[in-house]
């Protein structure tokens, strides 16, 4: 696969991941539930704002 084609695929994947993350935040806000993440090797619960 050529480098330019790989870059195009990588950019599409990153855009998809960003969109999925935004949808996750919207869902958590609507349901008023906590978002669970890992920060400094510890599990942390945060409220989406």
PDB file of N, CA and C in Angstrom:
ATOM      1  N   UNK A   1       0.851  -1.183   0.000  1.00  0.00           N
ATOM      2  CA  UNK A   1       0.000   0.000   0.000  1.00  0.00           C
ATOM      3  C   UNK A   1       0.896   1.244   0.000  1.00  0.00           C
ATOM      4  N   UNK A   2       0.563   2.196  -0.808  1.00  0.00           N
ATOM      5  CA  UNK A   2       1.363   3.409  -0.901  1.00  0.00           C
ATOM      6  C   UNK A   2       1.186   4.279   0.336  1.00  0.00           C
ATOM      7  N   UNK A   3       2.183   5.098   0.600  1.00  0.00           N
ATOM      8  CA  UNK A   3       2.160   5.956   1.793  1.00  0.00           C
ATOM      9  C   UNK A   3       0.984   6.925   1.766  1.00  0.00           C
ATOM     10  N   UNK A   4       0.670   7.485   0.603  1.00  0.00           N
ATOM     11  CA  UNK A   4      -0.439   8.438   0.500  1.00  0.00           C
ATOM     12  C   UNK A   4      -1.764   7.759   0.804  1.00  0.00           C
ATOM     13  N   UNK A   5      -1.915   6.532   0.330  1.00  0.00           N
ATOM     14  CA  UNK A   5      -3.156   5.785   0.564  1.00  0.00           C
ATOM     15  C   UNK A   5      -3.298   5.423   2.045  1.00  0.00           C
ATOM     16  N   UNK A   6      -2.189   5.084   2.682  1.00  0.00           N
ATOM     17  CA  UNK A   6      -2.211   4.787   4.116  1.00  0.00           C
ATOM     18  C   UNK A   6      -2.620   6.017   4.913  1.00  0.00           C
ATOM     19  N   UNK A   7      -2.110   7.166   4.509  1.00  0.00           N
ATOM     20  CA  UNK A   7      -2.433   8.410   5.196  1.00  0.00           C
ATOM     21  C   UNK A   7      -3.923   8.717   5.083  1.00  0.00           C
ATOM     22  N   UNK A   8      -4.486   8.498   3.914  1.00  0.00           N
ATOM     23  CA  UNK A   8      -5.916   8.738   3.704  1.00  0.00           C
ATOM     24  C   UNK A   8      -6.741   7.822   4.604  1.00  0.00           C
ATOM     25  N   UNK A   9      -6.379   6.545   4.645  1.00  0.00           N
ATOM     26  CA  UNK A   9      -7.100   5.588   5.491  1.00  0.00           C
ATOM     27  C   UNK A   9      -6.968   5.951   6.968  1.00  0.00           C
ATOM     28  N   UNK A  10      -5.760   6.357   7.369  1.00  0.00           N
ATOM     29  CA  UNK A  10      -5.530   6.724   8.763  1.00  0.00           C
ATOM     30  C   UNK A  10      -6.379   7.931   9.150  1.00  0.00           C
ATOM     31  N   UNK A  11      -6.460   8.905   8.269  1.00  0.00           N
ATOM     32  CA  UNK A  11      -7.255  10.102   8.550  1.00  0.00           C
ATOM     33  C   UNK A  11      -8.736   9.764   8.669  1.00  0.00           C
ATOM     34  N   UNK A  12      -9.231   8.867   7.820  1.00  0.00           N
ATOM     35  CA  UNK A  12     -10.635   8.455   7.891  1.00  0.00           C
ATOM     36  C   UNK A  12     -10.919   7.737   9.204  1.00  0.00           C
ATOM     37  N   UNK A  13     -10.002   6.892   9.619  1.00  0.00           N
ATOM     38  CA  UNK A  13     -10.170   6.165  10.879  1.00  0.00           C
ATOM     39  C   UNK A  13     -10.186   7.136  12.053  1.00  0.00           C
ATOM     40  N   UNK A  14      -9.280   8.102  12.057  1.00  0.00           N
ATOM     41  CA  UNK A  14      -9.229   9.082  13.146  1.00  0.00           C
ATOM     42  C   UNK A  14     -10.489   9.942  13.193  1.00  0.00           C
ATOM     43  N   UNK A  15     -11.014  10.322  12.041  1.00  0.00           N
ATOM     44  CA  UNK A  15     -12.265  11.087  12.003  1.00  0.00           C
ATOM     45  C   UNK A  15     -13.413  10.258  12.558  1.00  0.00           C
ATOM     46  N   UNK A  16     -13.444   8.972  12.227  1.00  0.00           N
ATOM     47  CA  UNK A  16     -14.476   8.082  12.742  1.00  0.00           C
ATOM     48  C   UNK A  16     -14.395   7.937  14.252  1.00  0.00           C
ATOM     49  N   UNK A  17     -13.192   7.822  14.777  1.00  0.00           N
ATOM     50  CA  UNK A  17     -13.010   7.713  16.226  1.00  0.00           C
ATOM     51  C   UNK A  17     -13.445   8.990  16.930  1.00  0.00           C
ATOM     52  N   UNK A  18     -13.125  10.139  16.351  1.00  0.00           N
ATOM     53  CA  UNK A  18     -13.560  11.415  16.932  1.00  0.00           C
ATOM     54  C   UNK A  18     -15.078  11.506  16.966  1.00  0.00           C
ATOM     55  N   UNK A  19     -15.719  11.084  15.886  1.00  0.00           N
ATOM     56  CA  UNK A  19     -17.187  11.122  15.805  1.00  0.00           C
ATOM     57  C   UNK A  19     -17.812  10.184  16.837  1.00  0.00           C
ATOM     58  N   UNK A  20     -17.229   8.991  16.993  1.00  0.00           N
ATOM     59  CA  UNK A  20     -17.738   8.033  17.972  1.00  0.00           C
ATOM     60  C   UNK A  20     -17.598   8.588  19.393  1.00  0.00           C
ATOM     61  N   UNK A  21     -16.490   9.263  19.681  1.00  0.00           N
ATOM     62  CA  UNK A  21     -16.269   9.853  20.999  1.00  0.00           C
ATOM     63  C   UNK A  21     -17.287  10.954  21.281  1.00  0.00           C
ATOM     64  N   UNK A  22     -17.556  11.797  20.287  1.00  0.00           N
ATOM     65  CA  UNK A  22     -18.549  12.859  20.452  1.00  0.00           C
ATOM     66  C   UNK A  22     -19.937  12.275  20.715  1.00  0.00           C
ATOM     67  N   UNK A  23     -20.280  11.209  20.001  1.00  0.00           N
ATOM     68  CA  UNK A  23     -21.584  10.562  20.214  1.00  0.00           C
ATOM     69  C   UNK A  23     -21.665   9.950  21.607  1.00  0.00           C
ATOM     70  N   UNK A  24     -20.559   9.380  22.078  1.00  0.00           N
ATOM     71  CA  UNK A  24     -20.520   8.816  23.424  1.00  0.00           C
ATOM     72  C   UNK A  24     -20.772   9.893  24.465  1.00  0.00           C
ATOM     73  N   UNK A  25     -20.121  11.049  24.314  1.00  0.00           N
ATOM     74  CA  UNK A  25     -20.318  12.145  25.266  1.00  0.00           C
ATOM     75  C   UNK A  25     -21.761  12.644  25.244  1.00  0.00           C
ATOM     76  N   UNK A  26     -22.351  12.762  24.058  1.00  0.00           N
ATOM     77  CA  UNK A  26     -23.756  13.182  23.955  1.00  0.00           C
ATOM     78  C   UNK A  26     -24.669  12.191  24.673  1.00  0.00           C
ATOM     79  N   UNK A  27     -24.422  10.907  24.472  1.00  0.00           N
ATOM     80  CA  UNK A  27     -25.233   9.865  25.097  1.00  0.00           C
ATOM     81  C   UNK A  27     -25.128   9.934  26.619  1.00  0.00           C
ATOM     82  N   UNK A  28     -23.915  10.091  27.115  1.00  0.00           N
ATOM     83  CA  UNK A  28     -23.705  10.154  28.566  1.00  0.00           C
ATOM     84  C   UNK A  28     -24.377  11.390  29.167  1.00  0.00           C
ATOM     85  N   UNK A  29     -24.356  12.515  28.437  1.00  0.00           N
ATOM     86  CA  UNK A  29     -25.021  13.727  28.914  1.00  0.00           C
ATOM     87  C   UNK A  29     -26.525  13.531  28.956  1.00  0.00           C
ATOM     88  N   UNK A  30     -27.094  12.909  27.926  1.00  0.00           N
ATOM     89  CA  UNK A  30     -28.536  12.690  27.863  1.00  0.00           C
ATOM     90  C   UNK A  30     -28.999  11.768  28.982  1.00  0.00           C
ATOM     91  N   UNK A  31     -28.239  10.728  29.252  1.00  0.00           N
ATOM     92  CA  UNK A  31     -28.614   9.743  30.275  1.00  0.00           C
ATOM     93  C   UNK A  31     -28.169  10.160  31.673  1.00  0.00           C
ATOM     94  N   UNK A  32     -27.386  11.248  31.761  1.00  0.00           N
ATOM     95  CA  UNK A  32     -26.855  11.742  33.031  1.00  0.00           C
ATOM     96  C   UNK A  32     -26.099  10.644  33.777  1.00  0.00           C
ATOM     97  N   UNK A  33     -25.204   9.974  33.056  1.00  0.00           N
ATOM     98  CA  UNK A  33     -24.395   8.910  33.644  1.00  0.00           C
ATOM     99  C   UNK A  33     -22.922   9.291  33.597  1.00  0.00           C
ATOM    100  N   UNK A  34     -22.144   8.622  34.422  1.00  0.00           N
ATOM    101  CA  UNK A  34     -20.725   8.919  34.516  1.00  0.00           C
ATOM    102  C   UNK A  34     -19.952   8.312  33.354  1.00  0.00           C
ATOM    103  N   UNK A  35     -18.877   8.979  33.003  1.00  0.00           N
ATOM    104  CA  UNK A  35     -17.945   8.491  32.003  1.00  0.00           C
ATOM    105  C   UNK A  35     -16.764   7.898  32.761  1.00  0.00           C
ATOM    106  N   UNK A  36     -16.401   6.672  32.457  1.00  0.00           N
ATOM    107  CA  UNK A  36     -15.325   5.995  33.178  1.00  0.00           C
ATOM    108  C   UNK A  36     -14.100   5.966  32.275  1.00  0.00           C
ATOM    109  N   UNK A  37     -13.004   6.519  32.780  1.00  0.00           N
ATOM    110  CA  UNK A  37     -11.759   6.603  32.023  1.00  0.00           C
ATOM    111  C   UNK A  37     -10.595   6.143  32.884  1.00  0.00           C
ATOM    112  N   UNK A  38      -9.448   5.978  32.254  1.00  0.00           N
ATOM    113  CA  UNK A  38      -8.218   5.673  32.997  1.00  0.00           C
ATOM    114  C   UNK A  38      -7.335   6.909  32.943  1.00  0.00           C
ATOM    115  N   UNK A  39      -6.954   7.397  34.108  1.00  0.00           N
ATOM    116  CA  UNK A  39      -6.082   8.571  34.218  1.00  0.00           C
ATOM    117  C   UNK A  39      -4.978   8.234  35.210  1.00  0.00           C
ATOM    118  N   UNK A  40      -3.736   8.335  34.785  1.00  0.00           N
ATOM    119  CA  UNK A  40      -2.568   8.013  35.626  1.00  0.00           C
ATOM    120  C   UNK A  40      -2.672   6.595  36.184  1.00  0.00           C
ATOM    121  N   UNK A  41      -3.051   5.651  35.336  1.00  0.00           N
ATOM    122  CA  UNK A  41      -3.179   4.228  35.688  1.00  0.00           C
ATOM    123  C   UNK A  41      -4.204   3.969  36.793  1.00  0.00           C
ATOM    124  N   UNK A  42      -5.174   4.862  36.943  1.00  0.00           N
ATOM    125  CA  UNK A  42      -6.253   4.677  37.903  1.00  0.00           C
ATOM    126  C   UNK A  42      -7.581   4.852  37.180  1.00  0.00           C
ATOM    127  N   UNK A  43      -8.577   4.091  37.591  1.00  0.00           N
ATOM    128  CA  UNK A  43      -9.907   4.212  37.011  1.00  0.00           C
ATOM    129  C   UNK A  43     -10.601   5.405  37.661  1.00  0.00           C
ATOM    130  N   UNK A  44     -11.114   6.312  36.824  1.00  0.00           N
ATOM    131  CA  UNK A  44     -11.710   7.550  37.297  1.00  0.00           C
ATOM    132  C   UNK A  44     -13.098   7.682  36.695  1.00  0.00           C
ATOM    133  N   UNK A  45     -14.066   8.084  37.511  1.00  0.00           N
ATOM    134  CA  UNK A  45     -15.432   8.344  37.052  1.00  0.00           C
ATOM    135  C   UNK A  45     -15.635   9.847  37.011  1.00  0.00           C
ATOM    136  N   UNK A  46     -16.081  10.359  35.856  1.00  0.00           N
ATOM    137  CA  UNK A  46     -16.335  11.791  35.732  1.00  0.00           C
ATOM    138  C   UNK A  46     -17.708  12.014  35.121  1.00  0.00           C
ATOM    139  N   UNK A  47     -18.309  13.130  35.485  1.00  0.00           N
ATOM    140  CA  UNK A  47     -19.604  13.518  34.918  1.00  0.00           C
ATOM    141  C   UNK A  47     -19.343  14.315  33.651  1.00  0.00           C
ATOM    142  N   UNK A  48     -19.955  13.949  32.538  1.00  0.00           N
ATOM    143  CA  UNK A  48     -19.781  14.757  31.330  1.00  0.00           C
ATOM    144  C   UNK A  48     -20.518  16.073  31.473  1.00  0.00           C
ATOM    145  N   UNK A  49     -19.903  17.146  31.075  1.00  0.00           N
ATOM    146  CA  UNK A  49     -20.501  18.477  31.212  1.00  0.00           C
ATOM    147  C   UNK A  49     -20.638  19.135  29.876  1.00  0.00           C
TER     148      UNK A  49
END
